[in-house]
Amino acid sequence: MNSSQIVKELLELKTAWRRQNFVYTKDQRSRYDELLKLRREIVRQYEIDGKVWIGPSVHGKPKD
């Protein structure tokens, strides 16, 4: 499962959570926890590989 599929499924679970008065079923909660763990591992690997920008934002600053 790739990162975009994980994010898409997390968003679907979030929508269901809202429709269900902000409560997950037991199965939904376990799936959410599993997906969140996978997503965090992917992001951690991105950081190790140097694929994540960590630093000040230059958005909106004047260009020289």
PDB file of N, CA and C in Angstrom:
ATOM      1  N   MET A   1       0.852  -1.169   0.000  1.00  0.00           N
ATOM      2  CA  MET A   1       0.000   0.000   0.000  1.00  0.00           C
ATOM      3  C   MET A   1       0.900   1.235   0.000  1.00  0.00           C
ATOM      4  N   ASN A   2       0.619   2.162  -0.904  1.00  0.00           N
ATOM      5  CA  ASN A   2       1.470   3.353  -0.962  1.00  0.00           C
ATOM      6  C   ASN A   2       0.893   4.497  -0.128  1.00  0.00           C
ATOM      7  N   SER A   3       1.665   5.536  -0.014  1.00  0.00           N
ATOM      8  CA  SER A   3       1.335   6.649   0.860  1.00  0.00           C
ATOM      9  C   SER A   3       0.006   7.317   0.486  1.00  0.00           C
ATOM     10  N   SER A   4      -0.239   7.503  -0.793  1.00  0.00           N
ATOM     11  CA  SER A   4      -1.469   8.182  -1.201  1.00  0.00           C
ATOM     12  C   SER A   4      -2.709   7.344  -0.889  1.00  0.00           C
ATOM     13  N   GLN A   5      -2.602   6.035  -0.997  1.00  0.00           N
ATOM     14  CA  GLN A   5      -3.726   5.163  -0.654  1.00  0.00           C
ATOM     15  C   GLN A   5      -4.009   5.224   0.842  1.00  0.00           C
ATOM     16  N   ILE A   6      -2.956   5.288   1.637  1.00  0.00           N
ATOM     17  CA  ILE A   6      -3.113   5.373   3.092  1.00  0.00           C
ATOM     18  C   ILE A   6      -3.810   6.675   3.462  1.00  0.00           C
ATOM     19  N   VAL A   7      -3.366   7.769   2.881  1.00  0.00           N
ATOM     20  CA  VAL A   7      -3.964   9.070   3.180  1.00  0.00           C
ATOM     21  C   VAL A   7      -5.431   9.090   2.751  1.00  0.00           C
ATOM     22  N   LYS A   8      -5.723   8.537   1.591  1.00  0.00           N
ATOM     23  CA  LYS A   8      -7.096   8.500   1.095  1.00  0.00           C
ATOM     24  C   LYS A   8      -7.995   7.715   2.045  1.00  0.00           C
ATOM     25  N   GLU A   9      -7.527   6.572   2.506  1.00  0.00           N
ATOM     26  CA  GLU A   9      -8.325   5.761   3.422  1.00  0.00           C
ATOM     27  C   GLU A   9      -8.478   6.451   4.785  1.00  0.00           C
ATOM     28  N   LEU A  10      -7.425   7.133   5.249  1.00  0.00           N
ATOM     29  CA  LEU A  10      -7.530   7.894   6.496  1.00  0.00           C
ATOM     30  C   LEU A  10      -8.593   8.985   6.380  1.00  0.00           C
ATOM     31  N   LEU A  11      -8.643   9.665   5.243  1.00  0.00           N
ATOM     32  CA  LEU A  11      -9.647  10.707   5.037  1.00  0.00           C
ATOM     33  C   LEU A  11     -11.056  10.127   4.982  1.00  0.00           C
ATOM     34  N   GLU A  12     -11.204   8.937   4.386  1.00  0.00           N
ATOM     35  CA  GLU A  12     -12.508   8.285   4.353  1.00  0.00           C
ATOM     36  C   GLU A  12     -12.963   7.920   5.767  1.00  0.00           C
ATOM     37  N   LEU A  13     -12.030   7.428   6.578  1.00  0.00           N
ATOM     38  CA  LEU A  13     -12.363   7.101   7.968  1.00  0.00           C
ATOM     39  C   LEU A  13     -12.734   8.359   8.755  1.00  0.00           C
ATOM     40  N   LYS A  14     -12.050   9.450   8.473  1.00  0.00           N
ATOM     41  CA  LYS A  14     -12.346  10.709   9.150  1.00  0.00           C
ATOM     42  C   LYS A  14     -13.755  11.196   8.802  1.00  0.00           C
ATOM     43  N   THR A  15     -14.150  11.040   7.543  1.00  0.00           N
ATOM     44  CA  THR A  15     -15.493  11.423   7.110  1.00  0.00           C
ATOM     45  C   THR A  15     -16.540  10.549   7.802  1.00  0.00           C
ATOM     46  N   ALA A  16     -16.284   9.247   7.868  1.00  0.00           N
ATOM     47  CA  ALA A  16     -17.206   8.331   8.543  1.00  0.00           C
ATOM     48  C   ALA A  16     -17.317   8.689  10.022  1.00  0.00           C
ATOM     49  N   TRP A  17     -16.212   9.041  10.636  1.00  0.00           N
ATOM     50  CA  TRP A  17     -16.177   9.430  12.044  1.00  0.00           C
ATOM     51  C   TRP A  17     -17.104  10.620  12.289  1.00  0.00           C
ATOM     52  N   ARG A  18     -17.076  11.588  11.395  1.00  0.00           N
ATOM     53  CA  ARG A  18     -17.946  12.764  11.533  1.00  0.00           C
ATOM     54  C   ARG A  18     -19.415  12.385  11.395  1.00  0.00           C
ATOM     55  N   ARG A  19     -19.724  11.502  10.417  1.00  0.00           N
ATOM     56  CA  ARG A  19     -21.108  11.073  10.212  1.00  0.00           C
ATOM     57  C   ARG A  19     -21.641  10.261  11.392  1.00  0.00           C
ATOM     58  N   GLN A  20     -20.761   9.646  12.148  1.00  0.00           N
ATOM     59  CA  GLN A  20     -21.134   8.775  13.254  1.00  0.00           C
ATOM     60  C   GLN A  20     -21.052   9.493  14.597  1.00  0.00           C
ATOM     61  N   ASN A  21     -21.280  10.799  14.598  1.00  0.00           N
ATOM     62  CA  ASN A  21     -21.236  11.595  15.823  1.00  0.00           C
ATOM     63  C   ASN A  21     -19.882  11.514  16.514  1.00  0.00           C
ATOM     64  N   PHE A  22     -18.818  11.542  15.742  1.00  0.00           N
ATOM     65  CA  PHE A  22     -17.444  11.598  16.243  1.00  0.00           C
ATOM     66  C   PHE A  22     -17.070  10.385  17.086  1.00  0.00           C
ATOM     67  N   VAL A  23     -17.549   9.213  16.656  1.00  0.00           N
ATOM     68  CA  VAL A  23     -17.238   7.958  17.339  1.00  0.00           C
ATOM     69  C   VAL A  23     -16.886   6.913  16.290  1.00  0.00           C
ATOM     70  N   TYR A  24     -15.764   6.202  16.508  1.00  0.00           N
ATOM     71  CA  TYR A  24     -15.379   5.091  15.645  1.00  0.00           C
ATOM     72  C   TYR A  24     -15.932   3.793  16.208  1.00  0.00           C
ATOM     73  N   THR A  25     -16.230   2.844  15.317  1.00  0.00           N
ATOM     74  CA  THR A  25     -16.509   1.493  15.773  1.00  0.00           C
ATOM     75  C   THR A  25     -15.171   0.860  16.147  1.00  0.00           C
ATOM     76  N   LYS A  26     -15.225  -0.283  16.778  1.00  0.00           N
ATOM     77  CA  LYS A  26     -13.993  -0.954  17.203  1.00  0.00           C
ATOM     78  C   LYS A  26     -13.122  -1.300  15.986  1.00  0.00           C
ATOM     79  N   ASP A  27     -13.743  -1.800  14.923  1.00  0.00           N
ATOM     80  CA  ASP A  27     -12.993  -2.148  13.707  1.00  0.00           C
ATOM     81  C   ASP A  27     -12.402  -0.914  13.033  1.00  0.00           C
ATOM     82  N   GLN A  28     -13.188   0.161  12.983  1.00  0.00           N
ATOM     83  CA  GLN A  28     -12.697   1.391  12.372  1.00  0.00           C
ATOM     84  C   GLN A  28     -11.521   1.950  13.162  1.00  0.00           C
ATOM     85  N   ARG A  29     -11.596   1.887  14.473  1.00  0.00           N
ATOM     86  CA  ARG A  29     -10.516   2.423  15.307  1.00  0.00           C
ATOM     87  C   ARG A  29      -9.229   1.630  15.107  1.00  0.00           C
ATOM     88  N   SER A  30      -9.343   0.308  15.037  1.00  0.00           N
ATOM     89  CA  SER A  30      -8.140  -0.501  14.843  1.00  0.00           C
ATOM     90  C   SER A  30      -7.544  -0.240  13.462  1.00  0.00           C
ATOM     91  N   ARG A  31      -8.391  -0.085  12.437  1.00  0.00           N
ATOM     92  CA  ARG A  31      -7.900   0.219  11.082  1.00  0.00           C
ATOM     93  C   ARG A  31      -7.232   1.587  11.049  1.00  0.00           C
ATOM     94  N   TYR A  32      -7.842   2.576  11.717  1.00  0.00           N
ATOM     95  CA  TYR A  32      -7.279   3.921  11.776  1.00  0.00           C
ATOM     96  C   TYR A  32      -5.898   3.902  12.433  1.00  0.00           C
ATOM     97  N   ASP A  33      -5.788   3.197  13.551  1.00  0.00           N
ATOM     98  CA  ASP A  33      -4.499   3.100  14.252  1.00  0.00           C
ATOM     99  C   ASP A  33      -3.443   2.435  13.377  1.00  0.00           C
ATOM    100  N   GLU A  34      -3.845   1.395  12.652  1.00  0.00           N
ATOM    101  CA  GLU A  34      -2.914   0.692  11.761  1.00  0.00           C
ATOM    102  C   GLU A  34      -2.432   1.605  10.635  1.00  0.00           C
ATOM    103  N   LEU A  35      -3.374   2.323  10.008  1.00  0.00           N
ATOM    104  CA  LEU A  35      -3.019   3.229   8.917  1.00  0.00           C
ATOM    105  C   LEU A  35      -2.146   4.379   9.410  1.00  0.00           C
ATOM    106  N   LEU A  36      -2.454   4.903  10.572  1.00  0.00           N
ATOM    107  CA  LEU A  36      -1.670   6.001  11.132  1.00  0.00           C
ATOM    108  C   LEU A  36      -0.237   5.550  11.406  1.00  0.00           C
ATOM    109  N   LYS A  37      -0.093   4.344  11.916  1.00  0.00           N
ATOM    110  CA  LYS A  37       1.248   3.800  12.166  1.00  0.00           C
ATOM    111  C   LYS A  37       2.021   3.652  10.853  1.00  0.00           C
ATOM    112  N   LEU A  38       1.368   3.133   9.814  1.00  0.00           N
ATOM    113  CA  LEU A  38       2.018   2.994   8.504  1.00  0.00           C
ATOM    114  C   LEU A  38       2.432   4.356   7.949  1.00  0.00           C
ATOM    115  N   ARG A  39       1.547   5.330   8.058  1.00  0.00           N
ATOM    116  CA  ARG A  39       1.827   6.673   7.539  1.00  0.00           C
ATOM    117  C   ARG A  39       3.020   7.295   8.263  1.00  0.00           C
ATOM    118  N   ARG A  40       3.071   7.137   9.569  1.00  0.00           N
ATOM    119  CA  ARG A  40       4.183   7.693  10.330  1.00  0.00           C
ATOM    120  C   ARG A  40       5.501   7.026   9.965  1.00  0.00           C
ATOM    121  N   GLU A  41       5.468   5.716   9.706  1.00  0.00           N
ATOM    122  CA  GLU A  41       6.680   5.018   9.276  1.00  0.00           C
ATOM    123  C   GLU A  41       7.154   5.524   7.923  1.00  0.00           C
ATOM    124  N   ILE A  42       6.215   5.772   7.012  1.00  0.00           N
ATOM    125  CA  ILE A  42       6.568   6.287   5.681  1.00  0.00           C
ATOM    126  C   ILE A  42       7.202   7.671   5.805  1.00  0.00           C
ATOM    127  N   VAL A  43       6.599   8.541   6.596  1.00  0.00           N
ATOM    128  CA  VAL A  43       7.131   9.899   6.769  1.00  0.00           C
ATOM    129  C   VAL A  43       8.501   9.851   7.438  1.00  0.00           C
ATOM    130  N   ARG A  44       8.651   8.973   8.423  1.00  0.00           N
ATOM    131  CA  ARG A  44       9.951   8.821   9.089  1.00  0.00           C
ATOM    132  C   ARG A  44      11.019   8.391   8.082  1.00  0.00           C
ATOM    133  N   GLN A  45      10.664   7.492   7.180  1.00  0.00           N
ATOM    134  CA  GLN A  45      11.609   7.045   6.156  1.00  0.00           C
ATOM    135  C   GLN A  45      11.939   8.187   5.187  1.00  0.00           C
ATOM    136  N   TYR A  46      10.933   9.008   4.859  1.00  0.00           N
ATOM    137  CA  TYR A  46      11.181  10.186   4.019  1.00  0.00           C
ATOM    138  C   TYR A  46      12.202  11.103   4.684  1.00  0.00           C
ATOM    139  N   GLU A  47      12.077  11.292   5.989  1.00  0.00           N
ATOM    140  CA  GLU A  47      13.012  12.152   6.716  1.00  0.00           C
ATOM    141  C   GLU A  47      14.425  11.562   6.687  1.00  0.00           C
ATOM    142  N   ILE A  48      14.547  10.258   6.866  1.00  0.00           N
ATOM    143  CA  ILE A  48      15.853   9.594   6.831  1.00  0.00           C
ATOM    144  C   ILE A  48      16.488   9.729   5.453  1.00  0.00           C
ATOM    145  N   ASP A  49      15.671   9.590   4.398  1.00  0.00           N
ATOM    146  CA  ASP A  49      16.169   9.668   3.025  1.00  0.00           C
ATOM    147  C   ASP A  49      16.406  11.097   2.548  1.00  0.00           C
ATOM    148  N   GLY A  50      16.046  12.084   3.361  1.00  0.00           N
ATOM    149  CA  GLY A  50      16.256  13.481   2.990  1.00  0.00           C
ATOM    150  C   GLY A  50      15.227  13.996   2.002  1.00  0.00           C
ATOM    151  N   LYS A  51      14.037  13.419   1.988  1.00  0.00           N
ATOM    152  CA  LYS A  51      12.997  13.829   1.047  1.00  0.00           C
ATOM    153  C   LYS A  51      12.015  14.828   1.652  1.00  0.00           C
ATOM    154  N   VAL A  52      12.280  15.274   2.881  1.00  0.00           N
ATOM    155  CA  VAL A  52      11.394  16.204   3.577  1.00  0.00           C
ATOM    156  C   VAL A  52      12.167  17.479   3.853  1.00  0.00           C
ATOM    157  N   TRP A  53      11.590  18.614   3.488  1.00  0.00           N
ATOM    158  CA  TRP A  53      12.231  19.891   3.756  1.00  0.00           C
ATOM    159  C   TRP A  53      12.028  20.241   5.217  1.00  0.00           C
ATOM    160  N   ILE A  54      13.116  20.458   5.928  1.00  0.00           N
ATOM    161  CA  ILE A  54      13.073  20.883   7.314  1.00  0.00           C
ATOM    162  C   ILE A  54      13.858  22.180   7.389  1.00  0.00           C
ATOM    163  N   GLY A  55      13.148  23.261   7.503  1.00  0.00           N
ATOM    164  CA  GLY A  55      13.805  24.551   7.554  1.00  0.00           C
ATOM    165  C   GLY A  55      12.793  25.665   7.411  1.00  0.00           C
ATOM    166  N   PRO A  56      13.276  26.888   7.319  1.00  0.00           N
ATOM    167  CA  PRO A  56      12.354  28.019   7.227  1.00  0.00           C
ATOM    168  C   PRO A  56      11.651  28.063   5.877  1.00  0.00           C
ATOM    169  N   SER A  57      10.443  28.539   5.901  1.00  0.00           N
ATOM    170  CA  SER A  57       9.671  28.682   4.672  1.00  0.00           C
ATOM    171  C   SER A  57      10.113  29.951   3.957  1.00  0.00           C
ATOM    172  N   VAL A  58      10.193  29.911   2.649  1.00  0.00           N
ATOM    173  CA  VAL A  58      10.542  31.097   1.874  1.00  0.00           C
ATOM    174  C   VAL A  58       9.311  31.588   1.092  1.00  0.00           C
ATOM    175  N   HIS A  59       8.166  30.963   1.348  1.00  0.00           N
ATOM    176  CA  HIS A  59       6.945  31.366   0.668  1.00  0.00           C
ATOM    177  C   HIS A  59       6.545  32.776   1.088  1.00  0.00           C
ATOM    178  N   GLY A  60       6.290  33.622   0.130  1.00  0.00           N
ATOM    179  CA  GLY A  60       5.847  34.983   0.422  1.00  0.00           C
ATOM    180  C   GLY A  60       6.967  35.964   0.659  1.00  0.00           C
ATOM    181  N   LYS A  61       8.201  35.514   0.707  1.00  0.00           N
ATOM    182  CA  LYS A  61       9.320  36.434   0.907  1.00  0.00           C
ATOM    183  C   LYS A  61       9.744  36.994  -0.453  1.00  0.00           C
ATOM    184  N   PRO A  62      10.179  38.225  -0.468  1.00  0.00           N
ATOM    185  CA  PRO A  62      10.594  38.809  -1.752  1.00  0.00           C
ATOM    186  C   PRO A  62      11.831  38.123  -2.298  1.00  0.00           C
ATOM    187  N   LYS A  63      11.837  37.963  -3.619  1.00  0.00           N
ATOM    188  CA  LYS A  63      13.002  37.346  -4.271  1.00  0.00           C
ATOM    189  C   LYS A  63      14.032  38.408  -4.557  1.00  0.00           C
ATOM    190  N   ASP A  64      15.285  38.068  -4.409  1.00  0.00           N
ATOM    191  CA  ASP A  64      16.370  39.024  -4.654  1.00  0.00           C
ATOM    192  C   ASP A  64      16.594  39.247  -6.126  1.00  0.00           C
TER     193      ASP A  64
END
